[in-house]
Amino acid sequence: MNLRKVIFCLLPLSLSLWLWVKDGYRFAFWVTSVEEKKEVPIIDGMPELGTQTQIIWKDQFVSGIESPIIGFIFSLVLFAIVYFSRERKP
């Protein structure tokens, strides 16, 4: 099999693994919003009276374990198409 075809077949897997690693190896499902917790004083300028946690939601995509799985399946399908489509000479 040609090296160029093998690299072409492994491209979806490598791109999905790169995205998954960049987002932090999450073994959970995809997330479309991320929470940010921030401690704010109950009364402005008087933190000694107590603080409360403010949660701010940001719209952000974070990939999960589905990304490398989908990349692996897509790479297998491409490999099967390339492998079985070549002409076999008797």
N, C-alpha and C. Protein backbone atom coordinates (compact mmCIF):
# COMPACT_ATOMS: atom_id res chain seq x y z
N MET A 1 0.85 -1.18 0.00
CA MET A 1 0.00 0.00 0.00
C MET A 1 0.89 1.24 0.00
N ASN A 2 0.46 2.23 -0.71
CA ASN A 2 1.23 3.46 -0.86
C ASN A 2 1.23 4.26 0.45
N LEU A 3 2.37 4.83 0.78
CA LEU A 3 2.50 5.61 2.02
C LEU A 3 1.58 6.83 2.01
N ARG A 4 1.38 7.43 0.86
CA ARG A 4 0.51 8.60 0.76
C ARG A 4 -0.93 8.22 1.11
N LYS A 5 -1.37 7.04 0.71
CA LYS A 5 -2.72 6.59 1.02
C LYS A 5 -2.88 6.29 2.51
N VAL A 6 -1.84 5.74 3.11
CA VAL A 6 -1.89 5.45 4.54
C VAL A 6 -1.96 6.75 5.34
N ILE A 7 -1.17 7.73 4.97
CA ILE A 7 -1.21 9.03 5.65
C ILE A 7 -2.57 9.68 5.46
N PHE A 8 -3.15 9.56 4.27
CA PHE A 8 -4.49 10.10 4.02
C PHE A 8 -5.53 9.42 4.90
N CYS A 9 -5.39 8.12 5.11
CA CYS A 9 -6.34 7.38 5.95
C CYS A 9 -6.18 7.72 7.43
N LEU A 10 -4.98 8.03 7.86
CA LEU A 10 -4.74 8.34 9.27
C LEU A 10 -4.97 9.81 9.62
N LEU A 11 -5.23 10.64 8.63
CA LEU A 11 -5.44 12.06 8.87
C LEU A 11 -6.64 12.36 9.78
N PRO A 12 -7.82 11.75 9.58
CA PRO A 12 -8.93 12.04 10.51
C PRO A 12 -8.63 11.64 11.96
N LEU A 13 -7.95 10.51 12.13
CA LEU A 13 -7.61 10.07 13.48
C LEU A 13 -6.63 11.04 14.14
N SER A 14 -5.63 11.47 13.41
CA SER A 14 -4.65 12.38 14.01
C SER A 14 -5.26 13.75 14.31
N LEU A 15 -6.13 14.25 13.46
CA LEU A 15 -6.77 15.53 13.73
C LEU A 15 -7.71 15.45 14.93
N SER A 16 -8.45 14.37 15.05
CA SER A 16 -9.36 14.24 16.19
C SER A 16 -8.57 14.02 17.48
N LEU A 17 -7.48 13.30 17.43
CA LEU A 17 -6.63 13.15 18.63
C LEU A 17 -6.01 14.48 19.03
N TRP A 18 -5.59 15.28 18.05
CA TRP A 18 -5.03 16.59 18.36
C TRP A 18 -6.06 17.49 19.04
N LEU A 19 -7.29 17.48 18.52
CA LEU A 19 -8.35 18.29 19.13
C LEU A 19 -8.64 17.82 20.55
N TRP A 20 -8.67 16.52 20.75
CA TRP A 20 -8.96 15.96 22.07
C TRP A 20 -7.85 16.30 23.07
N VAL A 21 -6.60 16.20 22.65
CA VAL A 21 -5.47 16.52 23.52
C VAL A 21 -5.45 18.02 23.82
N LYS A 22 -5.74 18.85 22.83
CA LYS A 22 -5.75 20.30 23.02
C LYS A 22 -6.80 20.71 24.04
N ASP A 23 -7.92 20.01 24.08
CA ASP A 23 -8.99 20.35 25.03
C ASP A 23 -8.81 19.69 26.39
N GLY A 24 -7.81 18.85 26.56
CA GLY A 24 -7.49 18.37 27.89
C GLY A 24 -7.86 16.94 28.23
N TYR A 25 -7.86 16.02 27.29
CA TYR A 25 -8.05 14.59 27.55
C TYR A 25 -9.31 14.28 28.35
N ARG A 26 -10.42 14.88 28.00
CA ARG A 26 -11.66 14.62 28.75
C ARG A 26 -12.21 13.25 28.39
N PHE A 27 -12.45 12.40 29.40
CA PHE A 27 -13.06 11.09 29.18
C PHE A 27 -14.57 11.17 29.34
N ALA A 28 -15.11 12.36 29.26
CA ALA A 28 -16.55 12.58 29.35
C ALA A 28 -17.07 12.93 27.95
N PHE A 29 -18.34 13.31 27.88
CA PHE A 29 -18.93 13.67 26.60
C PHE A 29 -18.61 15.12 26.26
N TRP A 30 -18.94 15.51 25.02
CA TRP A 30 -18.73 16.87 24.58
C TRP A 30 -19.46 17.86 25.47
N VAL A 31 -18.91 19.04 25.61
CA VAL A 31 -19.53 20.10 26.41
C VAL A 31 -19.61 21.34 25.52
N THR A 32 -20.74 22.04 25.58
CA THR A 32 -20.90 23.25 24.77
C THR A 32 -20.85 24.52 25.58
N SER A 33 -20.81 24.41 26.90
CA SER A 33 -20.65 25.59 27.75
C SER A 33 -19.80 25.22 28.96
N VAL A 34 -19.01 26.19 29.41
CA VAL A 34 -18.07 25.96 30.50
C VAL A 34 -18.39 26.95 31.61
N GLU A 35 -18.34 26.47 32.85
CA GLU A 35 -18.61 27.36 33.98
C GLU A 35 -17.32 27.95 34.53
N GLU A 36 -17.42 29.19 34.97
CA GLU A 36 -16.30 29.86 35.61
C GLU A 36 -16.79 30.36 36.96
N LYS A 37 -16.16 29.88 38.02
CA LYS A 37 -16.56 30.27 39.38
C LYS A 37 -15.72 31.44 39.85
N LYS A 38 -16.39 32.40 40.50
CA LYS A 38 -15.70 33.59 40.98
C LYS A 38 -16.27 33.95 42.34
N GLU A 39 -15.37 34.18 43.30
CA GLU A 39 -15.79 34.58 44.64
C GLU A 39 -15.98 36.10 44.68
N VAL A 40 -17.17 36.53 45.06
CA VAL A 40 -17.45 37.97 45.17
C VAL A 40 -17.96 38.26 46.58
N PRO A 41 -17.61 39.41 47.14
CA PRO A 41 -18.09 39.74 48.48
C PRO A 41 -19.60 40.02 48.46
N ILE A 42 -20.25 39.69 49.58
CA ILE A 42 -21.69 39.94 49.67
C ILE A 42 -21.96 41.44 49.64
N ILE A 43 -21.16 42.21 50.39
CA ILE A 43 -21.24 43.67 50.36
C ILE A 43 -19.95 44.17 49.74
N ASP A 44 -20.06 45.02 48.72
CA ASP A 44 -18.88 45.52 48.02
C ASP A 44 -17.95 46.24 48.97
N GLY A 45 -16.67 45.89 48.92
CA GLY A 45 -15.67 46.55 49.75
C GLY A 45 -15.55 45.97 51.14
N MET A 46 -16.37 44.96 51.49
CA MET A 46 -16.30 44.36 52.83
C MET A 46 -16.25 42.83 52.72
N PRO A 47 -15.11 42.30 52.29
CA PRO A 47 -15.03 40.85 52.15
C PRO A 47 -15.03 40.11 53.48
N GLU A 48 -14.76 40.81 54.58
CA GLU A 48 -14.76 40.16 55.88
C GLU A 48 -16.16 39.74 56.32
N LEU A 49 -17.19 40.30 55.69
CA LEU A 49 -18.57 39.92 56.02
C LEU A 49 -19.02 38.66 55.29
N GLY A 50 -18.21 38.17 54.41
CA GLY A 50 -18.53 36.93 53.71
C GLY A 50 -18.50 37.10 52.21
N THR A 51 -18.35 35.98 51.54
CA THR A 51 -18.34 35.98 50.07
C THR A 51 -19.32 34.95 49.57
N GLN A 52 -19.68 35.10 48.33
CA GLN A 52 -20.54 34.11 47.68
C GLN A 52 -19.92 33.74 46.34
N THR A 53 -20.26 32.58 45.86
CA THR A 53 -19.70 32.10 44.61
C THR A 53 -20.63 32.49 43.46
N GLN A 54 -20.06 33.18 42.49
CA GLN A 54 -20.81 33.55 41.30
C GLN A 54 -20.36 32.62 40.17
N ILE A 55 -21.32 32.03 39.50
CA ILE A 55 -21.01 31.12 38.39
C ILE A 55 -21.38 31.82 37.09
N ILE A 56 -20.39 31.94 36.21
CA ILE A 56 -20.59 32.55 34.90
C ILE A 56 -20.41 31.47 33.84
N TRP A 57 -21.41 31.30 32.99
CA TRP A 57 -21.36 30.29 31.93
C TRP A 57 -20.87 30.93 30.64
N LYS A 58 -19.89 30.29 30.01
CA LYS A 58 -19.35 30.75 28.73
C LYS A 58 -19.71 29.72 27.67
N ASP A 59 -20.14 30.18 26.50
CA ASP A 59 -20.38 29.29 25.38
C ASP A 59 -19.04 28.91 24.76
N GLN A 60 -18.65 27.65 24.96
CA GLN A 60 -17.36 27.18 24.47
C GLN A 60 -17.47 25.68 24.23
N PHE A 61 -16.95 25.21 23.10
CA PHE A 61 -16.97 23.78 22.79
C PHE A 61 -15.72 23.13 23.38
N VAL A 62 -15.93 22.05 24.12
CA VAL A 62 -14.83 21.26 24.66
C VAL A 62 -15.08 19.82 24.23
N SER A 63 -14.14 19.27 23.49
CA SER A 63 -14.34 17.92 22.96
C SER A 63 -14.16 16.87 24.05
N GLY A 64 -14.86 15.78 23.87
CA GLY A 64 -14.79 14.67 24.80
C GLY A 64 -14.23 13.44 24.14
N ILE A 65 -14.53 12.31 24.69
CA ILE A 65 -14.01 11.04 24.20
C ILE A 65 -14.58 10.67 22.83
N GLU A 66 -15.69 11.31 22.44
CA GLU A 66 -16.28 11.01 21.14
C GLU A 66 -15.37 11.41 19.99
N SER A 67 -14.58 12.45 20.17
CA SER A 67 -13.73 12.94 19.09
C SER A 67 -12.74 11.90 18.58
N PRO A 68 -11.91 11.28 19.44
CA PRO A 68 -11.00 10.27 18.90
C PRO A 68 -11.72 9.01 18.42
N ILE A 69 -12.86 8.69 19.02
CA ILE A 69 -13.61 7.51 18.57
C ILE A 69 -14.16 7.73 17.17
N ILE A 70 -14.74 8.91 16.92
CA ILE A 70 -15.26 9.23 15.59
C ILE A 70 -14.12 9.30 14.58
N GLY A 71 -12.98 9.88 14.97
CA GLY A 71 -11.83 9.92 14.08
C GLY A 71 -11.30 8.53 13.74
N PHE A 72 -11.30 7.63 14.73
CA PHE A 72 -10.85 6.26 14.49
C PHE A 72 -11.79 5.53 13.53
N ILE A 73 -13.08 5.69 13.73
CA ILE A 73 -14.06 5.03 12.86
C ILE A 73 -13.95 5.58 11.44
N PHE A 74 -13.83 6.90 11.32
CA PHE A 74 -13.70 7.50 9.99
C PHE A 74 -12.42 7.05 9.30
N SER A 75 -11.33 6.92 10.05
CA SER A 75 -10.07 6.43 9.47
C SER A 75 -10.20 4.97 9.02
N LEU A 76 -10.91 4.16 9.81
CA LEU A 76 -11.13 2.77 9.40
C LEU A 76 -11.95 2.68 8.12
N VAL A 77 -12.97 3.51 8.02
CA VAL A 77 -13.79 3.51 6.81
C VAL A 77 -12.96 3.94 5.60
N LEU A 78 -12.17 4.99 5.75
CA LEU A 78 -11.30 5.42 4.65
C LEU A 78 -10.30 4.34 4.27
N PHE A 79 -9.72 3.69 5.28
CA PHE A 79 -8.76 2.61 5.00
C PHE A 79 -9.43 1.46 4.26
N ALA A 80 -10.65 1.10 4.66
CA ALA A 80 -11.38 0.02 3.98
C ALA A 80 -11.70 0.40 2.54
N ILE A 81 -12.10 1.64 2.32
CA ILE A 81 -12.40 2.08 0.95
C ILE A 81 -11.16 2.04 0.08
N VAL A 82 -10.05 2.53 0.60
CA VAL A 82 -8.80 2.53 -0.17
C VAL A 82 -8.30 1.11 -0.39
N TYR A 83 -8.39 0.28 0.63
CA TYR A 83 -7.85 -1.08 0.53
C TYR A 83 -8.67 -1.94 -0.44
N PHE A 84 -9.99 -1.85 -0.37
CA PHE A 84 -10.82 -2.71 -1.21
C PHE A 84 -11.09 -2.13 -2.60
N SER A 85 -10.74 -0.87 -2.83
CA SER A 85 -10.99 -0.29 -4.13
C SER A 85 -9.82 -0.48 -5.09
N ARG A 86 -8.68 -0.87 -4.60
CA ARG A 86 -7.55 -1.04 -5.52
C ARG A 86 -7.76 -2.30 -6.35
N GLU A 87 -7.24 -2.26 -7.53
CA GLU A 87 -7.43 -3.37 -8.46
C GLU A 87 -6.48 -4.50 -8.10
N ARG A 88 -7.04 -5.71 -8.10
CA ARG A 88 -6.21 -6.89 -7.82
C ARG A 88 -5.98 -7.65 -9.12
N LYS A 89 -4.74 -7.89 -9.36
CA LYS A 89 -4.39 -8.62 -10.58
C LYS A 89 -4.18 -10.09 -10.25
N PRO A 90 -4.80 -10.98 -11.03
CA PRO A 90 -4.64 -12.44 -10.75
C PRO A 90 -3.28 -12.97 -11.08
